[in-house]
Protein backbone atom coordinates (compact mmCIF):
# COMPACT_ATOMS: atom_id res chain seq x y z
CA UNK A 1 23.22 41.83 11.72
CA UNK A 2 25.99 39.37 12.49
CA UNK A 3 25.26 36.67 15.07
CA UNK A 4 27.86 34.65 16.95
CA UNK A 5 26.42 31.13 17.09
CA UNK A 6 29.26 29.90 19.32
CA UNK A 7 27.79 31.48 22.46
CA UNK A 8 24.42 31.28 24.19
CA UNK A 9 21.61 28.72 24.31
CA UNK A 10 21.86 26.25 21.43
CA UNK A 11 18.09 25.79 21.28
CA UNK A 12 17.31 29.49 21.28
CA UNK A 13 19.92 30.27 18.63
CA UNK A 14 18.83 27.46 16.31
CA UNK A 15 15.13 28.32 16.61
CA UNK A 16 15.70 32.06 16.17
CA UNK A 17 17.97 31.40 13.19
CA UNK A 18 15.64 28.82 11.63
CA UNK A 19 12.45 30.89 11.76
CA UNK A 20 13.53 33.53 9.20
CA UNK A 21 14.81 30.74 6.94
CA UNK A 22 11.45 28.96 7.21
CA UNK A 23 9.63 32.15 6.29
CA UNK A 24 12.08 32.71 3.44
CA UNK A 25 11.50 29.18 2.15
CA UNK A 26 7.74 29.72 2.31
CA UNK A 27 8.15 32.83 0.17
CA UNK A 28 10.37 31.01 -2.32
CA UNK A 29 7.98 28.08 -2.63
CA UNK A 30 4.97 30.41 -2.79
CA UNK A 31 6.22 32.33 -5.76
CA UNK A 32 7.08 29.16 -7.68
CA UNK A 33 3.63 27.80 -6.84
CA UNK A 34 2.08 31.04 -8.07
CA UNK A 35 3.36 30.30 -11.59
CA UNK A 36 1.76 26.85 -11.55
CA UNK A 37 -1.55 27.91 -10.01
CA UNK A 38 -2.00 30.85 -12.38
CA UNK A 39 -0.90 28.88 -15.46
CA UNK A 40 -3.12 25.92 -14.48
CA UNK A 41 -6.19 28.08 -13.95
CA UNK A 42 -5.80 30.68 -16.71
CA UNK A 43 -4.02 28.72 -19.46
CA UNK A 44 -4.88 25.09 -18.69
CA UNK A 45 -3.57 21.79 -17.30
CA UNK A 46 -1.59 21.08 -20.49
CA UNK A 47 0.36 24.35 -20.09
CA UNK A 48 0.92 23.48 -16.43
CA UNK A 49 2.41 20.17 -17.54
CA UNK A 50 4.65 21.99 -20.05
CA UNK A 51 6.08 24.17 -17.29
CA UNK A 52 6.69 21.07 -15.19
CA UNK A 53 8.48 18.92 -17.79
CA UNK A 54 11.26 21.48 -18.20
CA UNK A 55 11.69 21.51 -14.42
CA UNK A 56 14.51 18.93 -14.19
CA UNK A 57 16.64 20.95 -16.64
CA UNK A 58 16.10 24.12 -14.63
CA UNK A 59 16.78 22.13 -11.47
CA UNK A 60 20.29 21.24 -12.70
CA UNK A 61 21.23 24.93 -12.86
CA UNK A 62 19.40 25.61 -9.58
CA UNK A 63 21.31 22.72 -7.98
CA UNK A 64 24.63 24.30 -8.98
CA UNK A 65 23.43 27.62 -7.53
CA UNK A 66 22.37 26.04 -4.23
CA UNK A 67 25.65 24.11 -4.01
CA UNK A 68 27.68 27.28 -4.52
CA UNK A 69 25.56 29.08 -1.93
CA UNK A 70 25.99 26.26 0.58
CA UNK A 71 29.74 26.17 -0.06
CA UNK A 72 29.85 29.91 0.58
CA UNK A 73 27.91 29.44 3.81
CA UNK A 74 30.18 26.66 5.10
CA UNK A 75 33.48 28.39 4.28
CA UNK A 76 32.55 31.86 5.51
CA UNK A 77 30.88 30.46 8.65
CA UNK A 78 34.08 28.64 9.59
CA UNK A 79 36.15 31.78 8.90
CA UNK A 80 33.66 33.82 10.94
CA UNK A 81 33.87 31.38 13.85
CA UNK A 82 37.68 31.56 13.67
CA UNK A 83 37.59 35.42 13.54
CA UNK A 84 39.37 35.61 10.15
CA UNK A 85 37.81 38.72 8.58
CA UNK A 86 40.45 39.17 5.88
CA UNK A 87 39.84 35.60 4.73
CA UNK A 88 36.10 36.31 4.58
CA UNK A 89 36.64 39.29 2.28
CA UNK A 90 39.07 37.49 -0.01
CA UNK A 91 36.87 34.42 -0.26
CA UNK A 92 33.63 36.30 -1.01
CA UNK A 93 34.98 38.40 -3.88
CA UNK A 94 36.64 35.32 -5.39
CA UNK A 95 33.42 33.32 -5.18
CA UNK A 96 31.42 36.09 -6.89
CA UNK A 97 33.96 36.27 -9.73
CA UNK A 98 33.84 32.49 -10.15
CA UNK A 99 30.02 32.48 -10.16
CA UNK A 100 29.85 34.63 -13.30
CA UNK A 101 31.86 32.05 -15.25
CA UNK A 102 29.58 29.22 -14.11
CA UNK A 103 26.43 31.22 -14.88
CA UNK A 104 27.30 31.99 -18.47
CA UNK A 105 28.37 28.39 -19.08
CA UNK A 106 24.93 27.15 -17.96
CA UNK A 107 23.06 29.68 -20.09
CA UNK A 108 25.07 28.75 -23.19
CA UNK A 109 24.56 25.03 -22.56
CA UNK A 110 20.78 25.35 -22.20
CA UNK A 111 20.46 27.50 -25.32
CA UNK A 112 22.55 25.02 -27.28
CA UNK A 113 20.97 21.73 -26.16
CA UNK A 114 17.35 22.50 -25.16
CA UNK A 115 15.72 20.96 -28.25
CA UNK A 116 17.59 17.68 -27.93
CA UNK A 117 17.01 17.37 -24.19
CA UNK A 118 13.28 18.05 -24.45
CA UNK A 119 12.72 15.65 -27.36
CA UNK A 120 15.34 12.90 -27.01
CA UNK A 121 15.86 12.76 -23.23
CA UNK A 122 12.50 13.83 -21.81
CA UNK A 123 10.31 12.72 -24.72
CA UNK A 124 7.97 15.67 -24.13
CA UNK A 125 4.50 15.16 -25.67
CA UNK A 126 4.01 17.13 -28.87
CA UNK A 127 1.20 19.26 -27.47
CA UNK A 128 3.47 20.47 -24.66
CA UNK A 129 6.74 20.89 -26.56
CA UNK A 130 6.55 24.54 -27.71
CA UNK A 131 5.37 25.82 -24.33
CA UNK A 132 8.04 23.78 -22.54
CA UNK A 133 10.82 25.07 -24.82
CA UNK A 134 9.70 28.71 -24.60
CA UNK A 135 9.54 28.56 -20.81
CA UNK A 136 12.99 26.94 -20.58
CA UNK A 137 14.76 29.36 -22.93
CA UNK A 138 13.33 32.47 -21.26
CA UNK A 139 13.96 31.13 -17.76
CA UNK A 140 17.62 30.36 -18.58
CA UNK A 141 18.50 34.06 -18.74
CA UNK A 142 17.75 34.39 -15.03
CA UNK A 143 20.35 31.80 -14.03
CA UNK A 144 23.13 34.34 -13.46
CA UNK A 145 20.94 36.22 -10.98
CA UNK A 146 19.82 32.99 -9.32
CA UNK A 147 23.44 31.92 -8.70
CA UNK A 148 24.48 35.35 -7.39
CA UNK A 149 21.44 35.40 -5.11
CA UNK A 150 22.44 32.05 -3.59
CA UNK A 151 26.00 33.35 -3.03
CA UNK A 152 24.78 36.47 -1.22
CA UNK A 153 22.18 34.47 0.71
CA UNK A 154 24.84 31.95 1.78
CA UNK A 155 27.09 34.77 2.94
CA UNK A 156 24.31 36.27 5.09
CA UNK A 157 23.62 32.89 6.72
CA UNK A 158 27.32 32.36 7.44
CA UNK A 159 27.33 35.54 9.51
CA UNK A 160 24.35 34.28 11.52
CA UNK A 161 21.90 36.59 9.73
CA UNK A 162 18.83 34.84 8.37
CA UNK A 163 16.51 37.85 8.66
CA UNK A 164 17.84 39.68 5.63
CA UNK A 165 16.60 36.97 3.29
CA UNK A 166 13.03 37.86 4.20
CA UNK A 167 13.46 41.33 2.76
CA UNK A 168 14.70 40.32 -0.65
CA UNK A 169 12.40 37.32 -0.93
CA UNK A 170 9.36 39.43 -0.11
CA UNK A 171 10.40 41.73 -2.94
CA UNK A 172 10.79 38.76 -5.30
CA UNK A 173 7.54 37.04 -4.26
CA UNK A 174 5.40 40.16 -4.60
CA UNK A 175 6.94 41.05 -7.96
CA UNK A 176 6.48 37.51 -9.28
CA UNK A 177 2.83 37.34 -8.25
CA UNK A 178 1.99 40.76 -9.70
CA UNK A 179 3.80 40.08 -12.97
CA UNK A 180 2.19 36.63 -13.23
CA UNK A 181 -1.25 38.23 -12.97
CA UNK A 182 -0.36 41.03 -15.40
CA UNK A 183 1.40 38.93 -18.02
CA UNK A 184 -0.53 35.64 -17.95
CA UNK A 185 -4.28 36.42 -17.65
CA UNK A 186 -3.91 40.19 -18.12
CA UNK A 187 -1.87 40.30 -21.34
CA UNK A 188 -2.53 36.72 -22.44
CA UNK A 189 1.17 35.81 -22.66
CA UNK A 190 0.59 32.31 -21.26
CA UNK A 191 3.62 30.23 -20.31
CA UNK A 192 6.02 32.88 -21.65
CA UNK A 193 4.52 35.43 -19.27
CA UNK A 194 5.14 33.11 -16.30
CA UNK A 195 8.77 32.68 -17.40
CA UNK A 196 9.32 36.45 -17.73
CA UNK A 197 7.81 36.95 -14.26
CA UNK A 198 10.20 34.38 -12.78
CA UNK A 199 13.27 36.01 -14.36
CA UNK A 200 12.22 39.46 -13.16
CA UNK A 201 11.74 38.18 -9.61
CA UNK A 202 15.20 36.58 -9.66
CA UNK A 203 16.75 39.88 -10.73
CA UNK A 204 14.91 41.67 -7.92
CA UNK A 205 16.01 39.10 -5.31
CA UNK A 206 19.64 39.26 -6.45
CA UNK A 207 19.84 43.07 -6.36
CA UNK A 208 18.07 43.24 -2.99
CA UNK A 209 20.42 40.62 -1.50
CA UNK A 210 23.52 42.42 -2.78
CA UNK A 211 22.39 45.80 -1.41
CA UNK A 212 21.51 44.25 1.96
CA UNK A 213 24.86 42.49 2.22
CA UNK A 214 26.76 45.60 1.14
CA UNK A 215 24.98 47.77 3.69
CA UNK A 216 25.14 45.44 6.69
CA UNK A 217 28.45 43.63 6.13
CA UNK A 218 30.70 46.31 4.65
CA UNK A 219 33.85 44.60 5.91
CA UNK A 220 33.12 41.59 3.69
CA UNK A 221 33.69 43.68 0.56
CA UNK A 222 37.10 44.78 -0.77
CA UNK A 223 38.34 48.35 -0.54
CA UNK A 224 39.14 50.33 -3.68
CA UNK A 225 42.25 48.99 -5.35
CA UNK A 226 42.07 45.52 -3.78
CA UNK A 227 42.07 42.48 -6.11
CA UNK A 228 38.74 40.91 -7.02
CA UNK A 229 40.14 37.40 -7.23
CA UNK A 230 42.26 35.37 -4.82
CA UNK A 231 42.76 32.00 -6.54
CA UNK A 232 43.91 30.29 -3.35
CA UNK A 233 40.62 31.09 -1.66
CA UNK A 234 38.77 29.17 -4.35
CA UNK A 235 40.45 25.92 -3.25
CA UNK A 236 38.60 25.46 0.09
CA UNK A 237 35.45 26.91 -1.47
CA UNK A 238 35.52 24.35 -4.28
CA UNK A 239 36.33 21.62 -1.78
CA UNK A 240 33.01 22.32 -0.07
CA UNK A 241 30.81 23.49 -2.93
CA UNK A 242 31.75 21.10 -5.74
CA UNK A 243 30.67 17.91 -3.94
CA UNK A 244 27.42 19.58 -2.87
CA UNK A 245 26.77 21.03 -6.33
CA UNK A 246 27.73 17.70 -7.86
CA UNK A 247 25.38 15.88 -5.51
CA UNK A 248 22.45 18.14 -6.36
CA UNK A 249 23.23 18.23 -10.09
CA UNK A 250 23.50 14.44 -10.31
CA UNK A 251 20.21 14.22 -8.45
CA UNK A 252 18.64 16.73 -10.83
CA UNK A 253 20.07 14.90 -13.85
CA UNK A 254 18.59 11.67 -12.55
CA UNK A 255 15.24 13.38 -12.32
CA UNK A 256 15.45 14.01 -16.05
CA UNK A 257 15.03 10.27 -16.43
CA UNK A 258 12.39 10.11 -13.70
CA UNK A 259 10.48 12.85 -15.51
CA UNK A 260 10.78 10.84 -18.74
CA UNK A 261 9.21 7.87 -16.94
CA UNK A 262 6.44 10.14 -15.69
CA UNK A 263 5.91 11.41 -19.24
CA UNK A 264 5.61 7.84 -20.52
CA UNK A 265 2.40 7.42 -18.52
CA UNK A 266 0.69 10.28 -20.36
CA UNK A 267 -0.69 13.77 -19.61
CA UNK A 268 -2.56 12.70 -16.44
CA UNK A 269 0.69 11.58 -14.80
CA UNK A 270 2.54 14.69 -15.98
CA UNK A 271 -0.13 17.01 -14.56
CA UNK A 272 -0.49 15.03 -11.32
CA UNK A 273 3.28 14.90 -10.82
CA UNK A 274 3.61 18.62 -11.52
CA UNK A 275 1.08 19.63 -8.86
CA UNK A 276 2.39 17.11 -6.33
CA UNK A 277 5.96 18.31 -6.86
CA UNK A 278 5.08 21.95 -6.21
CA UNK A 279 3.04 21.07 -3.12
CA UNK A 280 5.64 18.65 -1.76
CA UNK A 281 8.06 21.56 -1.48
CA UNK A 282 5.90 22.95 1.33
CA UNK A 283 6.11 19.87 3.53
CA UNK A 284 9.91 19.88 3.21
CA UNK A 285 10.32 23.48 4.35
CA UNK A 286 10.95 22.79 8.10
CA UNK A 287 13.54 20.08 7.41
CA UNK A 288 15.39 22.07 4.74
CA UNK A 289 15.29 25.30 6.77
CA UNK A 290 16.59 23.77 9.99
CA UNK A 291 19.19 21.83 7.98
CA UNK A 292 20.39 25.16 6.57
CA UNK A 293 20.46 26.69 10.05
CA UNK A 294 22.32 23.73 11.56
CA UNK A 295 24.91 23.93 8.77
CA UNK A 296 25.72 27.52 9.81
CA UNK A 297 25.57 26.61 13.51
CA UNK A 298 27.88 23.62 13.13
CA UNK A 299 30.18 25.57 10.78
CA UNK A 300 30.76 28.38 13.26
CA UNK A 301 31.17 26.04 16.22
CA UNK A 302 33.54 23.72 14.40
CA UNK A 303 35.58 26.75 13.35
CA UNK A 304 35.73 27.78 17.01
CA UNK A 305 36.58 24.23 18.20
CA UNK A 306 33.26 23.82 20.05
CA UNK A 307 32.54 20.19 19.07
CA UNK A 308 30.30 19.33 22.01
CA UNK A 309 28.20 22.42 21.44
CA UNK A 310 27.77 21.44 17.78
CA UNK A 311 26.54 17.98 18.83
CA UNK A 312 24.02 19.45 21.27
CA UNK A 313 22.60 21.62 18.51
CA UNK A 314 22.31 18.67 16.12
CA UNK A 315 20.43 16.52 18.65
CA UNK A 316 17.95 19.30 19.41
CA UNK A 317 17.39 19.96 15.71
CA UNK A 318 16.60 16.29 15.07
CA UNK A 319 14.05 16.07 17.88
CA UNK A 320 12.36 19.33 16.92
CA UNK A 321 12.06 18.73 13.17
CA UNK A 322 10.95 15.10 13.41
CA UNK A 323 8.07 16.16 15.67
CA UNK A 324 7.09 18.89 13.22
CA UNK A 325 7.29 16.43 10.31
CA UNK A 326 4.71 14.13 11.91
CA UNK A 327 2.26 17.02 12.35
CA UNK A 328 2.70 18.45 8.83
CA UNK A 329 2.67 15.00 7.24
CA UNK A 330 -0.61 14.09 8.92
CA UNK A 331 -2.36 17.32 7.89
CA UNK A 332 -1.16 17.16 4.29
CA UNK A 333 -2.11 13.47 4.08
CA UNK A 334 -5.69 14.24 5.14
CA UNK A 335 -6.15 17.28 2.87
CA UNK A 336 -4.13 16.15 -0.15
CA UNK A 337 -6.96 16.25 -2.71
CA UNK A 338 -8.48 19.65 -1.77
CA UNK A 339 -5.00 21.19 -1.85
CA UNK A 340 -4.15 19.82 -5.30
CA UNK A 341 -7.47 21.01 -6.74
CA UNK A 342 -6.26 24.63 -6.52
CA UNK A 343 -4.13 23.87 -9.61
CA UNK A 344 -7.31 23.12 -11.62
CA UNK A 345 -6.67 19.39 -12.08
CA UNK A 346 -9.20 16.58 -11.78
CA UNK A 347 -9.84 12.94 -12.67
CA UNK A 348 -6.78 10.71 -13.11
CA UNK A 349 -4.39 13.64 -12.70
CA UNK A 350 -5.85 14.40 -9.26
CA UNK A 351 -5.82 10.71 -8.28
CA UNK A 352 -2.18 10.21 -9.24
CA UNK A 353 -1.03 13.48 -7.69
CA UNK A 354 -2.80 12.88 -4.37
CA UNK A 355 -1.57 9.27 -4.08
CA UNK A 356 1.99 10.43 -4.70
CA UNK A 357 1.70 13.26 -2.17
CA UNK A 358 0.38 10.91 0.52
CA UNK A 359 3.36 8.58 0.10
CA UNK A 360 5.68 11.58 0.54
CA UNK A 361 3.81 12.49 3.73
CA UNK A 362 4.32 9.00 5.18
CA UNK A 363 8.05 9.19 4.41
CA UNK A 364 8.47 12.74 5.69
CA UNK A 365 10.10 11.83 9.06
CA UNK A 366 12.71 9.73 7.22
CA UNK A 367 13.46 12.57 4.81
CA UNK A 368 13.69 14.99 7.75
CA UNK A 369 16.32 12.94 9.59
CA UNK A 370 18.39 12.61 6.41
CA UNK A 371 18.32 16.36 5.71
CA UNK A 372 19.22 17.43 9.25
CA UNK A 373 22.12 14.98 9.46
CA UNK A 374 23.34 15.98 6.00
CA UNK A 375 23.17 19.66 6.97
CA UNK A 376 25.25 18.96 10.08
CA UNK A 377 27.84 16.99 8.12
CA UNK A 378 28.09 19.72 5.49
CA UNK A 379 28.49 22.42 8.14
CA UNK A 380 31.41 20.47 9.60
CA UNK A 381 33.00 20.25 6.16
CA UNK A 382 32.24 16.52 5.73
CA UNK A 383 30.54 16.99 2.37
CA UNK A 384 31.18 13.67 0.64
CA UNK A 385 28.80 11.45 2.63
CA UNK A 386 25.76 13.68 1.93
CA UNK A 387 26.70 13.31 -1.74
CA UNK A 388 26.77 9.52 -1.37
CA UNK A 389 23.47 9.56 0.51
CA UNK A 390 21.72 11.56 -2.18
CA UNK A 391 23.27 9.51 -4.98
CA UNK A 392 22.10 6.30 -3.27
CA UNK A 393 18.56 7.69 -3.08
CA UNK A 394 18.60 8.57 -6.77
CA UNK A 395 20.02 5.27 -8.04
CA UNK A 396 17.63 3.17 -5.96
CA UNK A 397 14.62 5.23 -6.93
CA UNK A 398 15.37 5.06 -10.65
CA UNK A 399 16.16 1.36 -10.45
CA UNK A 400 13.01 0.40 -8.57
CA UNK A 401 10.89 2.59 -10.86
CA UNK A 402 12.33 0.92 -13.95
CA UNK A 403 11.72 -2.55 -12.47
CA UNK A 404 8.15 -1.90 -11.32
CA UNK A 405 6.90 0.28 -14.18
CA UNK A 406 6.24 -2.59 -16.66
CA UNK A 407 4.31 -4.57 -14.03
CA UNK A 408 0.76 -4.16 -12.74
CA UNK A 409 2.10 -1.38 -10.45
CA UNK A 410 2.43 0.91 -13.49
CA UNK A 411 2.42 4.65 -12.80
CA UNK A 412 2.51 4.02 -9.03
CA UNK A 413 6.12 2.87 -9.43
CA UNK A 414 7.09 6.57 -9.63
CA UNK A 415 6.31 7.09 -5.95
CA UNK A 416 6.44 3.60 -4.41
CA UNK A 417 10.12 3.48 -5.40
CA UNK A 418 10.76 6.29 -2.91
CA UNK A 419 10.13 4.00 0.08
CA UNK A 420 13.29 1.80 -0.11
CA UNK A 421 15.33 4.64 -1.65
CA UNK A 422 14.74 7.11 1.19
CA UNK A 423 15.20 4.51 3.92
CA UNK A 424 18.59 3.37 2.63
CA UNK A 425 19.80 6.93 1.89
CA UNK A 426 18.87 8.03 5.41
CA UNK A 427 20.77 5.08 6.89
CA UNK A 428 23.93 6.08 4.97
CA UNK A 429 23.88 9.59 6.52
CA UNK A 430 23.02 8.45 10.04
CA UNK A 431 25.76 5.79 10.12
CA UNK A 432 28.36 8.40 9.09
CA UNK A 433 27.18 10.83 11.74
CA UNK A 434 27.28 8.24 14.51
CA UNK A 435 30.83 7.23 13.59
CA UNK A 436 32.00 10.76 14.40
CA UNK A 437 34.50 11.24 11.57
CA UNK A 438 32.85 14.57 10.69
CA UNK A 439 34.48 16.16 13.76
CA UNK A 440 37.86 16.16 11.99
CA UNK A 441 36.82 17.89 8.76
CA UNK A 442 36.93 21.63 9.61
CA UNK A 443 39.27 23.88 7.60
């Protein structure tokens, strides 16, 4: 159902809108964790590492998908706040048409370059190469459904509806878990089975999201005979989505090199990093979910000219999520090792993974502030500073890792580099927000 976020209690609206997104994020993270847990326990830590090393390549395509979904959310939320239903319809069909072109380009690129990226860029260990390549090639065929899902999901959020995502993510999570169990230990398909399960779950999520959107927001779809592309509507969409997609894709591309550095420290670092990375996604759920909610909230209110109301919502979101981050960070810090053991790792892999996770827990409040502020800026249409903030984080992290890696710090450089990088990146976003220029960026 549509929700007008320009009226009513800011706190109540943000909390009620954030909760379904939090639950949706938990489902998304759970079904990606299921792959790793099942592969780690039924195939082995080496196979788990193989799934992980192809992650940065997959993340580049996922980053484009998330950027397009966020751009959809921002544009349609501002149109919704301004009561421009015809614009909503024209924009949505144009975005869907554009997404097919992007999807097929990514699939072709991965199929063409996967060998070179895995060997020359990532320097994947020989014992992991075949599993990593098989997983990547199979997974690439789900990209079109992943991008369409993010478009439909972004559209639902722009209308103030975060509940629908629970439906299609429950479908995806259940299907992924069942197929993982059937294909990996049941049929002995190993890493390939996990990849097939992921693709099938993406198809299910995409179809469910489309049917939900079609049923509940009929006016957002064109009538028979209407055009399926309005080139002019792509201009504001690209203005929002390209910087965000570019930001996330540059970040993902940088993590190709970070993953290469991880690989240089051997299988223990690869396995520890893989398990930490999957688990870290959980501690980021509140920040990312509320950031998504505040983007829709700010988008609608900026479209309606309610600047003060947007500011009130941002301040509440910051206070709420920072408090939550301290609680989650403390609990995860204390129980880091028992949690990582569920992936069937031990020894040096467990040591390196748990140390890394604990550093992320200490930095969690800083990350939370950065994400909430970036979400607010993006919702207002001020998308360039979040790009700069993320790019700053990436450059500093890679630079400090490269400087510290040859020293006695060694493998710990991978996570100690996050401390200055996150602090500076957060400062970039906060300074922009406090200057107030974002209030002039609405379409």
